[in-house]
Amino acid sequence: MKKRKILIPQPKSKFLLVQCPDCENKQIIFDHASTVVRCLVCGRVLARPTGGKAIIEAKILQVLE
């Protein structure tokens, strides 16, 4: 009898460390955000929801695993 490999699905979504283009504040956001994500310091929109992956309007510094 052949052994089957058990496949564990990996998530397609990730957390991102982004930097606000206005005030250069660093913030962690979710790349599949379902609501508008604003900067905690100046209030600029960093991510807009689309129904799937969000539109990121900030500079992505790092993808967190």
PDB file of N, CA and C in Angstrom:
ATOM      1  N   MET A   1       0.833  -1.174   0.000  1.00  0.00           N
ATOM      2  CA  MET A   1       0.000   0.000   0.000  1.00  0.00           C
ATOM      3  C   MET A   1       0.886   1.249   0.000  1.00  0.00           C
ATOM      4  N   LYS A   2       0.527   2.221  -0.839  1.00  0.00           N
ATOM      5  CA  LYS A   2       1.290   3.446  -0.960  1.00  0.00           C
ATOM      6  C   LYS A   2       0.885   4.448   0.113  1.00  0.00           C
ATOM      7  N   LYS A   3       1.892   5.098   0.697  1.00  0.00           N
ATOM      8  CA  LYS A   3       1.586   6.143   1.664  1.00  0.00           C
ATOM      9  C   LYS A   3       1.316   7.438   0.921  1.00  0.00           C
ATOM     10  N   ARG A   4       0.294   8.132   1.325  1.00  0.00           N
ATOM     11  CA  ARG A   4      -0.024   9.411   0.712  1.00  0.00           C
ATOM     12  C   ARG A   4       0.534  10.542   1.573  1.00  0.00           C
ATOM     13  N   LYS A   5       1.016  11.570   0.898  1.00  0.00           N
ATOM     14  CA  LYS A   5       1.451  12.745   1.636  1.00  0.00           C
ATOM     15  C   LYS A   5       0.223  13.548   2.048  1.00  0.00           C
ATOM     16  N   ILE A   6       0.218  13.974   3.276  1.00  0.00           N
ATOM     17  CA  ILE A   6      -0.877  14.801   3.753  1.00  0.00           C
ATOM     18  C   ILE A   6      -0.538  16.251   3.425  1.00  0.00           C
ATOM     19  N   LEU A   7      -1.374  16.859   2.590  1.00  0.00           N
ATOM     20  CA  LEU A   7      -1.133  18.235   2.205  1.00  0.00           C
ATOM     21  C   LEU A   7      -1.867  19.162   3.158  1.00  0.00           C
ATOM     22  N   ILE A   8      -1.114  20.082   3.727  1.00  0.00           N
ATOM     23  CA  ILE A   8      -1.701  21.068   4.627  1.00  0.00           C
ATOM     24  C   ILE A   8      -1.786  22.379   3.868  1.00  0.00           C
ATOM     25  N   PRO A   9      -2.986  22.914   3.670  1.00  0.00           N
ATOM     26  CA  PRO A   9      -3.102  24.152   2.910  1.00  0.00           C
ATOM     27  C   PRO A   9      -2.466  25.330   3.642  1.00  0.00           C
ATOM     28  N   GLN A  10      -1.747  26.143   2.898  1.00  0.00           N
ATOM     29  CA  GLN A  10      -1.119  27.331   3.448  1.00  0.00           C
ATOM     30  C   GLN A  10      -2.016  28.535   3.186  1.00  0.00           C
ATOM     31  N   PRO A  11      -2.098  29.466   4.118  1.00  0.00           N
ATOM     32  CA  PRO A  11      -2.934  30.648   3.897  1.00  0.00           C
ATOM     33  C   PRO A  11      -2.358  31.543   2.808  1.00  0.00           C
ATOM     34  N   LYS A  12      -3.240  32.178   2.042  1.00  0.00           N
ATOM     35  CA  LYS A  12      -2.807  33.065   0.972  1.00  0.00           C
ATOM     36  C   LYS A  12      -2.667  34.501   1.460  1.00  0.00           C
ATOM     37  N   SER A  13      -3.144  34.771   2.655  1.00  0.00           N
ATOM     38  CA  SER A  13      -3.091  36.124   3.185  1.00  0.00           C
ATOM     39  C   SER A  13      -1.904  36.272   4.134  1.00  0.00           C
ATOM     40  N   LYS A  14      -1.428  37.509   4.237  1.00  0.00           N
ATOM     41  CA  LYS A  14      -0.267  37.780   5.089  1.00  0.00           C
ATOM     42  C   LYS A  14      -0.448  39.120   5.786  1.00  0.00           C
ATOM     43  N   PHE A  15       0.341  39.334   6.806  1.00  0.00           N
ATOM     44  CA  PHE A  15       0.417  40.634   7.455  1.00  0.00           C
ATOM     45  C   PHE A  15       1.595  41.391   6.849  1.00  0.00           C
ATOM     46  N   LEU A  16       1.448  42.705   6.722  1.00  0.00           N
ATOM     47  CA  LEU A  16       2.465  43.532   6.095  1.00  0.00           C
ATOM     48  C   LEU A  16       2.892  44.638   7.041  1.00  0.00           C
ATOM     49  N   LEU A  17       4.196  44.922   7.071  1.00  0.00           N
ATOM     50  CA  LEU A  17       4.697  46.098   7.765  1.00  0.00           C
ATOM     51  C   LEU A  17       4.799  47.190   6.719  1.00  0.00           C
ATOM     52  N   VAL A  18       4.027  48.247   6.876  1.00  0.00           N
ATOM     53  CA  VAL A  18       3.982  49.322   5.889  1.00  0.00           C
ATOM     54  C   VAL A  18       4.400  50.637   6.532  1.00  0.00           C
ATOM     55  N   GLN A  19       4.779  51.589   5.663  1.00  0.00           N
ATOM     56  CA  GLN A  19       5.163  52.912   6.128  1.00  0.00           C
ATOM     57  C   GLN A  19       4.272  53.949   5.457  1.00  0.00           C
ATOM     58  N   CYS A  20       3.707  54.825   6.253  1.00  0.00           N
ATOM     59  CA  CYS A  20       2.824  55.871   5.745  1.00  0.00           C
ATOM     60  C   CYS A  20       3.637  56.840   4.888  1.00  0.00           C
ATOM     61  N   PRO A  21       3.166  57.188   3.683  1.00  0.00           N
ATOM     62  CA  PRO A  21       3.908  58.108   2.829  1.00  0.00           C
ATOM     63  C   PRO A  21       3.923  59.548   3.347  1.00  0.00           C
ATOM     64  N   ASP A  22       2.973  59.912   4.208  1.00  0.00           N
ATOM     65  CA  ASP A  22       2.918  61.284   4.714  1.00  0.00           C
ATOM     66  C   ASP A  22       3.786  61.487   5.957  1.00  0.00           C
ATOM     67  N   CYS A  23       3.519  60.707   7.005  1.00  0.00           N
ATOM     68  CA  CYS A  23       4.209  60.938   8.283  1.00  0.00           C
ATOM     69  C   CYS A  23       5.297  59.907   8.577  1.00  0.00           C
ATOM     70  N   GLU A  24       5.477  58.909   7.710  1.00  0.00           N
ATOM     71  CA  GLU A  24       6.492  57.851   7.834  1.00  0.00           C
ATOM     72  C   GLU A  24       6.306  56.978   9.076  1.00  0.00           C
ATOM     73  N   ASN A  25       5.073  56.903   9.572  1.00  0.00           N
ATOM     74  CA  ASN A  25       4.747  56.007  10.675  1.00  0.00           C
ATOM     75  C   ASN A  25       4.740  54.571  10.166  1.00  0.00           C
ATOM     76  N   LYS A  26       5.316  53.644  10.923  1.00  0.00           N
ATOM     77  CA  LYS A  26       5.309  52.222  10.557  1.00  0.00           C
ATOM     78  C   LYS A  26       4.147  51.545  11.266  1.00  0.00           C
ATOM     79  N   GLN A  27       3.450  50.696  10.514  1.00  0.00           N
ATOM     80  CA  GLN A  27       2.235  50.067  11.034  1.00  0.00           C
ATOM     81  C   GLN A  27       2.075  48.693  10.397  1.00  0.00           C
ATOM     82  N   ILE A  28       1.529  47.744  11.133  1.00  0.00           N
ATOM     83  CA  ILE A  28       1.262  46.403  10.620  1.00  0.00           C
ATOM     84  C   ILE A  28      -0.197  46.337  10.186  1.00  0.00           C
ATOM     85  N   ILE A  29      -0.431  45.909   8.929  1.00  0.00           N
ATOM     86  CA  ILE A  29      -1.797  45.785   8.412  1.00  0.00           C
ATOM     87  C   ILE A  29      -1.962  44.405   7.779  1.00  0.00           C
ATOM     88  N   PHE A  30      -3.209  44.025   7.544  1.00  0.00           N
ATOM     89  CA  PHE A  30      -3.558  42.747   6.922  1.00  0.00           C
ATOM     90  C   PHE A  30      -3.767  42.980   5.431  1.00  0.00           C
ATOM     91  N   ASP A  31      -3.195  42.139   4.575  1.00  0.00           N
ATOM     92  CA  ASP A  31      -3.272  42.399   3.132  1.00  0.00           C
ATOM     93  C   ASP A  31      -4.627  42.061   2.520  1.00  0.00           C
ATOM     94  N   HIS A  32      -5.498  41.363   3.249  1.00  0.00           N
ATOM     95  CA  HIS A  32      -6.856  41.097   2.788  1.00  0.00           C
ATOM     96  C   HIS A  32      -7.853  41.855   3.671  1.00  0.00           C
ATOM     97  N   ALA A  33      -7.556  43.111   3.941  1.00  0.00           N
ATOM     98  CA  ALA A  33      -8.381  43.920   4.846  1.00  0.00           C
ATOM     99  C   ALA A  33      -9.790  44.089   4.282  1.00  0.00           C
ATOM    100  N   SER A  34     -10.792  43.983   5.141  1.00  0.00           N
ATOM    101  CA  SER A  34     -12.187  44.116   4.709  1.00  0.00           C
ATOM    102  C   SER A  34     -12.758  45.494   5.029  1.00  0.00           C
ATOM    103  N   THR A  35     -11.982  46.314   5.712  1.00  0.00           N
ATOM    104  CA  THR A  35     -12.382  47.697   5.997  1.00  0.00           C
ATOM    105  C   THR A  35     -11.251  48.626   5.596  1.00  0.00           C
ATOM    106  N   VAL A  36     -11.553  49.922   5.510  1.00  0.00           N
ATOM    107  CA  VAL A  36     -10.520  50.905   5.183  1.00  0.00           C
ATOM    108  C   VAL A  36      -9.553  50.998   6.358  1.00  0.00           C
ATOM    109  N   VAL A  37      -8.243  50.882   6.062  1.00  0.00           N
ATOM    110  CA  VAL A  37      -7.218  50.968   7.103  1.00  0.00           C
ATOM    111  C   VAL A  37      -6.564  52.340   7.005  1.00  0.00           C
ATOM    112  N   ARG A  38      -6.569  53.069   8.125  1.00  0.00           N
ATOM    113  CA  ARG A  38      -5.987  54.412   8.160  1.00  0.00           C
ATOM    114  C   ARG A  38      -4.744  54.422   9.043  1.00  0.00           C
ATOM    115  N   CYS A  39      -3.868  55.400   8.778  1.00  0.00           N
ATOM    116  CA  CYS A  39      -2.681  55.600   9.604  1.00  0.00           C
ATOM    117  C   CYS A  39      -3.129  56.023  10.995  1.00  0.00           C
ATOM    118  N   LEU A  40      -2.484  55.483  12.016  1.00  0.00           N
ATOM    119  CA  LEU A  40      -2.866  55.791  13.389  1.00  0.00           C
ATOM    120  C   LEU A  40      -2.420  57.186  13.813  1.00  0.00           C
ATOM    121  N   VAL A  41      -1.442  57.773  13.101  1.00  0.00           N
ATOM    122  CA  VAL A  41      -0.919  59.078  13.475  1.00  0.00           C
ATOM    123  C   VAL A  41      -1.626  60.195  12.710  1.00  0.00           C
ATOM    124  N   CYS A  42      -1.614  60.123  11.367  1.00  0.00           N
ATOM    125  CA  CYS A  42      -2.135  61.239  10.569  1.00  0.00           C
ATOM    126  C   CYS A  42      -3.507  60.965   9.952  1.00  0.00           C
ATOM    127  N   GLY A  43      -3.960  59.722   9.915  1.00  0.00           N
ATOM    128  CA  GLY A  43      -5.284  59.405   9.405  1.00  0.00           C
ATOM    129  C   GLY A  43      -5.363  59.153   7.911  1.00  0.00           C
ATOM    130  N   ARG A  44      -4.232  59.111   7.204  1.00  0.00           N
ATOM    131  CA  ARG A  44      -4.246  58.842   5.767  1.00  0.00           C
ATOM    132  C   ARG A  44      -4.653  57.388   5.509  1.00  0.00           C
ATOM    133  N   VAL A  45      -5.355  57.157   4.404  1.00  0.00           N
ATOM    134  CA  VAL A  45      -5.787  55.805   4.049  1.00  0.00           C
ATOM    135  C   VAL A  45      -4.574  54.998   3.574  1.00  0.00           C
ATOM    136  N   LEU A  46      -4.341  53.840   4.211  1.00  0.00           N
ATOM    137  CA  LEU A  46      -3.220  52.974   3.849  1.00  0.00           C
ATOM    138  C   LEU A  46      -3.661  51.791   3.002  1.00  0.00           C
ATOM    139  N   ALA A  47      -4.886  51.324   3.191  1.00  0.00           N
ATOM    140  CA  ALA A  47      -5.393  50.176   2.440  1.00  0.00           C
ATOM    141  C   ALA A  47      -6.887  50.319   2.222  1.00  0.00           C
ATOM    142  N   ARG A  48      -7.334  49.990   1.005  1.00  0.00           N
ATOM    143  CA  ARG A  48      -8.757  50.027   0.651  1.00  0.00           C
ATOM    144  C   ARG A  48      -9.213  48.608   0.311  1.00  0.00           C
ATOM    145  N   PRO A  49     -10.375  48.183   0.826  1.00  0.00           N
ATOM    146  CA  PRO A  49     -10.864  46.829   0.542  1.00  0.00           C
ATOM    147  C   PRO A  49     -11.388  46.706  -0.886  1.00  0.00           C
ATOM    148  N   THR A  50     -11.263  45.509  -1.456  1.00  0.00           N
ATOM    149  CA  THR A  50     -11.771  45.247  -2.805  1.00  0.00           C
ATOM    150  C   THR A  50     -12.668  44.022  -2.846  1.00  0.00           C
ATOM    151  N   GLY A  51     -12.791  43.306  -1.757  1.00  0.00           N
ATOM    152  CA  GLY A  51     -13.542  42.063  -1.744  1.00  0.00           C
ATOM    153  C   GLY A  51     -12.615  40.865  -1.697  1.00  0.00           C
ATOM    154  N   GLY A  52     -11.353  41.081  -1.996  1.00  0.00           N
ATOM    155  CA  GLY A  52     -10.311  40.057  -1.914  1.00  0.00           C
ATOM    156  C   GLY A  52      -9.099  40.710  -1.291  1.00  0.00           C
ATOM    157  N   LYS A  53      -8.030  40.767  -2.058  1.00  0.00           N
ATOM    158  CA  LYS A  53      -6.826  41.433  -1.590  1.00  0.00           C
ATOM    159  C   LYS A  53      -7.043  42.941  -1.613  1.00  0.00           C
ATOM    160  N   ALA A  54      -6.615  43.615  -0.559  1.00  0.00           N
ATOM    161  CA  ALA A  54      -6.828  45.058  -0.452  1.00  0.00           C
ATOM    162  C   ALA A  54      -5.824  45.815  -1.317  1.00  0.00           C
ATOM    163  N   ILE A  55      -6.201  47.023  -1.722  1.00  0.00           N
ATOM    164  CA  ILE A  55      -5.287  47.906  -2.454  1.00  0.00           C
ATOM    165  C   ILE A  55      -4.437  48.624  -1.412  1.00  0.00           C
ATOM    166  N   ILE A  56      -3.134  48.358  -1.433  1.00  0.00           N
ATOM    167  CA  ILE A  56      -2.211  48.944  -0.466  1.00  0.00           C
ATOM    168  C   ILE A  56      -1.688  50.258  -1.038  1.00  0.00           C
ATOM    169  N   GLU A  57      -1.914  51.352  -0.327  1.00  0.00           N
ATOM    170  CA  GLU A  57      -1.488  52.668  -0.789  1.00  0.00           C
ATOM    171  C   GLU A  57      -0.274  53.181  -0.027  1.00  0.00           C
ATOM    172  N   ALA A  58       0.367  52.330   0.748  1.00  0.00           N
ATOM    173  CA  ALA A  58       1.542  52.701   1.524  1.00  0.00           C
ATOM    174  C   ALA A  58       2.740  51.898   1.020  1.00  0.00           C
ATOM    175  N   LYS A  59       3.919  52.287   1.458  1.00  0.00           N
ATOM    176  CA  LYS A  59       5.139  51.573   1.067  1.00  0.00           C
ATOM    177  C   LYS A  59       5.270  50.314   1.934  1.00  0.00           C
ATOM    178  N   ILE A  60       5.382  49.160   1.264  1.00  0.00           N
ATOM    179  CA  ILE A  60       5.509  47.881   1.977  1.00  0.00           C
ATOM    180  C   ILE A  60       6.976  47.693   2.355  1.00  0.00           C
ATOM    181  N   LEU A  61       7.248  47.595   3.641  1.00  0.00           N
ATOM    182  CA  LEU A  61       8.619  47.418   4.125  1.00  0.00           C
ATOM    183  C   LEU A  61       8.985  45.947   4.286  1.00  0.00           C
ATOM    184  N   GLN A  62       8.007  45.139   4.749  1.00  0.00           N
ATOM    185  CA  GLN A  62       8.303  43.732   5.048  1.00  0.00           C
ATOM    186  C   GLN A  62       7.029  42.921   5.026  1.00  0.00           C
ATOM    187  N   VAL A  63       7.135  41.691   4.553  1.00  0.00           N
ATOM    188  CA  VAL A  63       6.017  40.745   4.596  1.00  0.00           C
ATOM    189  C   VAL A  63       6.265  39.836   5.796  1.00  0.00           C
ATOM    190  N   LEU A  64       5.330  39.822   6.731  1.00  0.00           N
ATOM    191  CA  LEU A  64       5.486  39.037   7.953  1.00  0.00           C
ATOM    192  C   LEU A  64       4.864  37.664   7.774  1.00  0.00           C
ATOM    193  N   GLU A  65       5.567  36.644   8.194  1.00  0.00           N
ATOM    194  CA  GLU A  65       5.082  35.264   8.057  1.00  0.00           C
ATOM    195  C   GLU A  65       4.304  34.856   9.277  1.00  0.00           C
TER     196      GLU A  65
END
